[in-house]
Amino acid sequence: MGKKFDVLLLGYYGFGNLGDELLAEAAVSLLREAGVERSRIAILSSTPDDSEERFGVASFNRWRLGDVARACSDSRTLLLGGGGLFQDSTSLRSCLYYCAVMLIAKMKGLRIWAVGQSVGPLRSKAARGVTRLALSLCSYISVRDESSLKMAGDLGLSAELTPDLVMSLVPEKNAVKEPLILFNARPGYGDLARMTAERCREAANAAGCEVRGVALAAEDAAEIERLHSLQYVKIRDIITVKNLEEFSAAVQGASGAVGMRLHFLVLCLLAGIPLAGCTYDPKVLGFCMRYNVEVVGEGPVGLGKLNDNTVQSKAAAAVREKFTAGLRGVLGDRNG
């Protein structure tokens, strides 16, 4: 009997984090471009009703074992669609969850593939073991930064390097510049967040600009407000963006950006906004090095440098090439 879905998407979807929602949006878009019908795509989500409405694909509750098993039974392949799923920065739970779902998928006969992943940090022996087991189930793996490529090699896994999936999306270009600098922070990185806020404040004062906080999740907004209340940076307003259109509207006219979250930096780069990034994580350092983005340090940041306007087209082409290769490898020409 044929399967209902060609691809079941697995990631940190449905938690209200714009970066992860954009990863899902990019994966669905790339699948559609590669010829997979929307009706043949499904997603595992923390909020399945919201994901179904947002992406127009069948959605299953990632927390219900019956839903996960049913989704796997109805699917031909399982796609780990971008993000840092295998890491133990906070606990081992993330590694264990994704490994468990992948084992269920393998037992159901699905072919598993992963694109645009970050791997690590993996501080514990247990995390490395679980990650090695999980990713060894994949027929194809691509990672989005050099650190992850090295980690995959250290785990005895074969992987390719590819840009983040969000690089295939096209936000509205930021044409008119105004005296406005954008600021993004994420919680859990106290001294780094403080330093990033201070560098943003210094850049804004030097340029005579106001600062707008741009949050990709509710927790970002709380952290930006905290840094403002401690007077590390003076914030004019804070906007929490929930989709690409809201991001484009929030950043329109900005003359620079200073931030932490990877996808804040990615979207600013694609919008043509000069920026500086806080490299709190290897994936952010890899992004800044790859695209010649200034790194926030102890000295002042300079936001006058415009980025190469061919970055998006080159990165998008690379994403499509690797994504299509992975899809072809797991689906081939078989009819399901």
Protein backbone atom coordinates (compact mmCIF):
# COMPACT_ATOMS: atom_id res chain seq x y z
CA MET A 1 0.00 0.00 0.00
CA GLY A 2 1.30 3.47 -0.87
CA LYS A 3 2.22 6.02 1.77
CA LYS A 4 0.18 9.19 2.25
CA PHE A 5 3.19 11.50 2.69
CA ASP A 6 6.53 11.69 0.94
CA VAL A 7 8.18 13.78 3.66
CA LEU A 8 7.53 14.15 7.40
CA LEU A 9 9.26 17.24 8.84
CA LEU A 10 10.93 17.05 12.26
CA GLY A 11 12.38 20.06 14.04
CA TYR A 12 11.79 22.54 16.86
CA TYR A 13 8.50 23.60 15.31
CA GLY A 14 5.45 25.12 16.97
CA PHE A 15 7.19 26.82 19.91
CA GLY A 16 6.79 30.44 18.82
CA ASN A 17 10.41 30.95 17.77
CA LEU A 18 10.49 32.74 14.42
CA GLY A 19 13.83 31.25 13.39
CA ASP A 20 12.56 27.69 13.65
CA GLU A 21 9.26 28.57 11.98
CA LEU A 22 11.22 30.06 9.07
CA LEU A 23 13.22 26.82 8.83
CA ALA A 24 9.95 24.94 8.42
CA GLU A 25 8.70 27.49 5.88
CA ALA A 26 11.93 27.17 3.91
CA ALA A 27 11.80 23.37 3.98
CA VAL A 28 8.20 23.30 2.72
CA SER A 29 9.06 25.83 0.00
CA LEU A 30 12.10 23.83 -1.12
CA LEU A 31 10.09 20.63 -1.21
CA ARG A 32 7.44 22.33 -3.33
CA GLU A 33 10.11 23.65 -5.72
CA ALA A 34 11.49 20.12 -6.01
CA GLY A 35 8.09 18.83 -7.11
CA VAL A 36 6.65 17.46 -3.85
CA GLU A 37 2.95 18.31 -3.61
CA ARG A 38 1.86 20.16 -0.48
CA SER A 39 -0.60 17.33 0.25
CA ARG A 40 2.39 14.94 0.37
CA ILE A 41 4.13 16.89 3.17
CA ALA A 42 3.48 16.54 6.92
CA ILE A 43 5.03 18.12 10.01
CA LEU A 44 5.49 17.21 13.68
CA SER A 45 4.71 20.28 15.78
CA SER A 46 4.14 21.37 19.37
CA THR A 47 1.08 23.32 18.15
CA PRO A 48 -0.21 21.26 15.21
CA ASP A 49 -3.28 23.40 14.46
CA ASP A 50 -1.13 26.53 14.16
CA SER A 51 1.44 24.76 11.98
CA GLU A 52 -1.24 23.33 9.70
CA GLU A 53 -2.70 26.80 9.19
CA ARG A 54 0.69 28.44 8.74
CA PHE A 55 2.27 26.01 6.30
CA GLY A 56 -0.76 24.40 4.67
CA VAL A 57 0.43 20.86 5.35
CA ALA A 58 -0.86 18.02 7.54
CA SER A 59 0.35 18.43 11.12
CA PHE A 60 0.76 15.96 13.99
CA ASN A 61 1.35 16.57 17.71
CA ARG A 62 4.99 15.88 18.46
CA TRP A 63 4.24 15.16 22.14
CA ARG A 64 1.73 12.36 21.51
CA LEU A 65 3.33 9.00 20.85
CA GLY A 66 0.28 7.84 18.91
CA ASP A 67 0.45 10.87 16.62
CA VAL A 68 4.18 10.38 16.04
CA ALA A 69 3.72 6.69 15.26
CA ARG A 70 0.78 7.37 12.93
CA ALA A 71 2.67 10.13 11.10
CA CYS A 72 5.65 7.81 10.61
CA SER A 73 3.43 4.95 9.41
CA ASP A 74 1.95 7.27 6.78
CA SER A 75 5.29 8.67 5.53
CA ARG A 76 8.11 7.58 3.25
CA THR A 77 10.89 9.77 4.67
CA LEU A 78 11.69 11.75 7.80
CA LEU A 79 13.44 15.10 7.29
CA LEU A 80 15.32 16.87 10.06
CA GLY A 81 14.69 20.31 8.62
CA GLY A 82 17.42 22.56 9.95
CA GLY A 83 18.31 23.91 13.38
CA GLY A 84 20.41 22.84 16.33
CA LEU A 85 18.51 19.73 17.39
CA PHE A 86 21.44 17.76 18.77
CA GLN A 87 23.05 19.72 21.60
CA ASP A 88 23.21 19.50 25.38
CA SER A 89 23.66 23.16 26.30
CA THR A 90 20.79 22.90 28.78
CA SER A 91 20.19 19.16 29.14
CA LEU A 92 20.27 15.83 27.34
CA ARG A 93 16.53 15.92 26.65
CA SER A 94 16.74 17.42 23.17
CA CYS A 95 19.13 14.71 21.96
CA LEU A 96 17.00 11.98 23.52
CA TYR A 97 13.73 13.25 22.02
CA TYR A 98 14.97 13.51 18.45
CA CYS A 99 16.80 10.20 18.67
CA ALA A 100 13.62 8.52 19.92
CA VAL A 101 11.53 9.87 17.04
CA MET A 102 14.20 8.81 14.55
CA LEU A 103 14.26 5.29 15.99
CA ILE A 104 10.48 5.07 15.65
CA ALA A 105 10.78 6.27 12.05
CA LYS A 106 13.49 3.71 11.32
CA MET A 107 11.39 0.89 12.76
CA LYS A 108 8.52 2.04 10.52
CA GLY A 109 10.79 1.76 7.48
CA LEU A 110 11.28 5.48 6.75
CA ARG A 111 14.44 6.78 5.13
CA ILE A 112 15.86 9.59 7.25
CA TRP A 113 17.72 12.66 6.04
CA ALA A 114 18.98 15.85 7.69
CA VAL A 115 19.67 19.23 6.09
CA GLY A 116 21.15 22.46 7.44
CA GLN A 117 21.83 21.04 10.90
CA SER A 118 24.04 22.33 13.67
CA VAL A 119 25.65 19.56 15.70
CA GLY A 120 26.78 20.45 19.21
CA PRO A 121 27.83 21.55 21.63
CA LEU A 122 27.94 18.01 22.99
CA ARG A 123 29.60 18.28 26.37
CA SER A 124 28.71 14.88 27.79
CA LYS A 125 29.67 11.40 26.66
CA ALA A 126 25.99 10.45 26.75
CA ALA A 127 25.04 13.30 24.38
CA ARG A 128 27.76 12.32 21.93
CA GLY A 129 26.64 8.69 22.02
CA VAL A 130 22.96 9.50 21.47
CA THR A 131 23.80 11.94 18.67
CA ARG A 132 26.07 9.42 16.94
CA LEU A 133 23.33 6.79 17.11
CA ALA A 134 20.63 9.14 15.83
CA LEU A 135 22.57 10.66 12.94
CA SER A 136 23.95 7.26 11.89
CA LEU A 137 20.35 6.47 10.92
CA CYS A 138 20.44 9.18 8.24
CA SER A 139 20.92 8.42 4.55
CA TYR A 140 22.03 12.02 3.96
CA ILE A 141 23.36 14.76 6.27
CA SER A 142 24.22 18.38 5.58
CA VAL A 143 25.34 20.85 8.26
CA ARG A 144 25.38 24.64 8.27
CA ASP A 145 28.75 25.49 9.87
CA GLU A 146 32.35 24.27 9.95
CA SER A 147 32.18 23.43 13.65
CA SER A 148 29.28 21.03 13.00
CA LEU A 149 31.13 19.51 10.06
CA LYS A 150 34.09 18.79 12.34
CA MET A 151 31.82 17.40 15.05
CA ALA A 152 30.14 15.09 12.54
CA GLY A 153 33.56 13.86 11.44
CA ASP A 154 34.62 13.30 15.05
CA LEU A 155 31.49 11.16 15.51
CA GLY A 156 32.43 9.09 12.46
CA LEU A 157 29.64 10.55 10.30
CA SER A 158 29.78 11.75 6.70
CA ALA A 159 28.23 15.19 6.13
CA GLU A 160 28.26 18.05 3.64
CA LEU A 161 28.42 21.79 4.31
CA THR A 162 25.46 23.87 3.17
CA PRO A 163 24.05 27.32 4.05
CA ASP A 164 21.22 27.62 6.57
CA LEU A 165 17.85 26.84 4.95
CA VAL A 166 16.55 30.34 5.75
CA MET A 167 19.10 31.68 3.25
CA SER A 168 16.72 30.44 0.55
CA LEU A 169 13.99 32.87 1.66
CA VAL A 170 13.77 36.42 0.31
CA PRO A 171 12.78 39.18 2.75
CA GLU A 172 12.00 42.62 1.37
CA LYS A 173 15.14 44.63 0.65
CA ASN A 174 15.81 47.55 2.97
CA ALA A 175 16.17 50.44 0.52
CA VAL A 176 15.76 53.70 2.49
CA LYS A 177 18.08 54.24 5.46
CA GLU A 178 16.91 56.10 8.56
CA PRO A 179 18.63 56.92 11.90
CA LEU A 180 17.62 53.56 13.37
CA ILE A 181 19.69 50.62 14.59
CA LEU A 182 18.15 47.23 15.29
CA PHE A 183 19.03 45.21 18.37
CA ASN A 184 18.36 41.55 19.18
CA ALA A 185 19.32 39.57 22.28
CA ARG A 186 18.52 36.14 23.60
CA PRO A 187 18.44 35.03 27.26
CA GLY A 188 20.92 32.78 28.98
CA TYR A 189 24.11 34.57 27.93
CA GLY A 190 24.43 37.27 30.61
CA ASP A 191 27.85 38.84 29.99
CA LEU A 192 27.70 38.38 26.23
CA ALA A 193 24.21 39.91 26.07
CA ARG A 194 25.40 42.85 28.18
CA MET A 195 28.44 43.41 25.95
CA THR A 196 26.29 43.21 22.80
CA ALA A 197 23.86 45.75 24.26
CA GLU A 198 26.70 48.11 25.19
CA ARG A 199 28.26 47.89 21.73
CA CYS A 200 24.84 48.61 20.19
CA ARG A 201 24.39 51.63 22.47
CA GLU A 202 27.84 52.96 21.53
CA ALA A 203 27.17 52.49 17.80
CA ALA A 204 23.79 54.23 18.11
CA ASN A 205 25.27 57.16 20.03
CA ALA A 206 28.11 57.55 17.53
CA ALA A 207 25.69 57.58 14.58
CA GLY A 208 22.97 59.63 16.27
CA CYS A 209 20.48 56.77 15.93
CA GLU A 210 17.65 55.42 17.99
CA VAL A 211 17.51 51.69 18.77
CA ARG A 212 14.64 49.33 18.05
CA GLY A 213 14.51 45.94 19.73
CA VAL A 214 13.55 43.12 17.35
CA ALA A 215 12.53 39.90 19.09
CA LEU A 216 12.16 36.54 17.34
CA ALA A 217 10.46 35.03 20.40
CA ALA A 218 8.76 36.27 23.57
CA GLU A 219 11.86 35.43 25.59
CA ASP A 220 13.92 37.74 23.37
CA ALA A 221 11.56 40.63 24.13
CA ALA A 222 11.93 40.04 27.88
CA GLU A 223 15.73 39.95 27.59
CA ILE A 224 15.83 43.15 25.50
CA GLU A 225 13.59 44.87 28.08
CA ARG A 226 15.89 43.66 30.87
CA LEU A 227 18.98 45.06 29.17
CA HIS A 228 17.14 48.35 28.59
CA SER A 229 16.04 48.57 32.24
CA LEU A 230 19.65 48.06 33.37
CA GLN A 231 20.63 50.92 31.02
CA TYR A 232 23.04 48.84 28.96
CA VAL A 233 21.16 50.07 25.87
CA LYS A 234 18.40 52.62 25.36
CA ILE A 235 15.49 51.08 23.44
CA ARG A 236 12.87 53.18 21.62
CA ASP A 237 10.49 50.28 21.13
CA ILE A 238 10.44 46.49 20.96
CA ILE A 239 8.71 44.57 18.19
CA THR A 240 8.19 40.80 18.35
CA VAL A 241 8.00 39.47 14.79
CA LYS A 242 6.10 36.29 13.94
CA ASN A 243 6.71 35.94 10.21
CA LEU A 244 8.83 37.19 7.34
CA GLU A 245 6.40 40.00 6.47
CA GLU A 246 6.41 41.33 10.03
CA PHE A 247 10.20 41.21 10.08
CA SER A 248 10.43 43.20 6.84
CA ALA A 249 8.06 45.83 8.23
CA ALA A 250 9.92 46.08 11.56
CA VAL A 251 13.36 46.60 9.98
CA GLN A 252 12.34 48.91 7.16
CA GLY A 253 14.67 51.89 7.01
CA ALA A 254 17.23 50.58 9.50
CA SER A 255 20.80 51.68 8.90
CA GLY A 256 22.42 48.94 10.97
CA ALA A 257 21.85 45.97 13.24
CA VAL A 258 23.55 44.37 16.22
CA GLY A 259 22.30 41.04 17.49
CA MET A 260 22.68 37.54 18.80
CA ARG A 261 20.18 35.10 17.28
CA LEU A 262 21.42 33.44 14.11
CA HIS A 263 18.23 34.00 12.15
CA PHE A 264 18.05 37.67 13.13
CA LEU A 265 21.49 38.02 11.57
CA VAL A 266 20.54 35.92 8.54
CA LEU A 267 17.45 38.00 7.81
CA CYS A 268 19.30 41.29 8.28
CA LEU A 269 22.00 40.09 5.88
CA LEU A 270 19.39 39.13 3.29
CA ALA A 271 17.65 42.49 3.74
CA GLY A 272 20.91 44.31 3.00
CA ILE A 273 21.39 45.80 6.47
CA PRO A 274 24.98 46.31 7.71
CA LEU A 275 25.34 44.27 10.87
CA ALA A 276 27.47 42.91 13.67
CA GLY A 277 26.87 39.59 15.43
CA CYS A 278 27.61 38.25 18.89
CA THR A 279 29.25 34.85 18.41
CA TYR A 280 27.78 33.16 21.49
CA ASP A 281 27.63 29.85 19.60
CA PRO A 282 29.82 28.17 16.93
CA LYS A 283 26.97 28.36 14.40
CA VAL A 284 26.94 32.17 14.72
CA LEU A 285 30.72 32.39 14.48
CA GLY A 286 30.60 30.21 11.37
CA PHE A 287 27.93 32.43 9.81
CA CYS A 288 29.89 35.63 10.54
CA MET A 289 33.10 34.22 9.10
CA ARG A 290 31.37 32.80 6.04
CA TYR A 291 29.64 36.06 5.10
CA ASN A 292 32.21 38.57 6.37
CA VAL A 293 29.92 39.88 9.10
CA GLU A 294 31.54 41.98 11.82
CA VAL A 295 31.89 40.23 15.18
CA VAL A 296 30.94 42.02 18.40
CA GLY A 297 34.01 42.33 20.64
CA GLU A 298 35.45 44.59 23.30
CA GLY A 299 36.02 47.44 20.83
CA PRO A 300 33.44 49.55 18.98
CA VAL A 301 31.47 48.07 16.09
CA GLY A 302 31.33 49.71 12.69
CA LEU A 303 28.05 49.39 10.82
CA GLY A 304 28.88 51.28 7.66
CA LYS A 305 29.89 48.25 5.62
CA LEU A 306 27.31 46.98 3.13
CA ASN A 307 27.24 43.30 2.38
CA ASP A 308 27.69 41.75 -1.05
CA ASN A 309 24.25 41.91 -2.68
CA THR A 310 24.87 38.58 -4.44
CA VAL A 311 25.08 36.72 -1.12
CA GLN A 312 21.44 35.67 -1.10
CA SER A 313 21.33 34.35 -4.66
CA LYS A 314 24.55 32.36 -4.23
CA ALA A 315 23.47 30.93 -0.87
CA ALA A 316 19.97 30.11 -2.12
CA ALA A 317 21.42 28.26 -5.10
CA ALA A 318 23.70 26.24 -2.80
CA VAL A 319 20.79 25.41 -0.47
CA ARG A 320 18.63 24.22 -3.38
CA GLU A 321 21.43 22.10 -4.83
CA LYS A 322 22.15 20.28 -1.56
CA PHE A 323 18.48 19.99 -0.60
CA THR A 324 17.52 18.52 -3.95
CA ALA A 325 20.43 16.08 -3.79
CA GLY A 326 19.29 14.89 -0.38
CA LEU A 327 15.66 14.55 -1.50
CA ARG A 328 16.65 12.64 -4.62
CA GLY A 329 18.81 10.33 -2.54
CA VAL A 330 16.00 9.31 -0.18
CA LEU A 331 13.06 9.32 -2.59
CA GLY A 332 14.69 8.41 -5.88
CA ASP A 333 12.18 7.72 -8.63
CA ARG A 334 10.08 5.27 -6.61
CA ASN A 335 6.34 5.72 -6.48
CA GLY A 336 4.94 5.60 -2.95
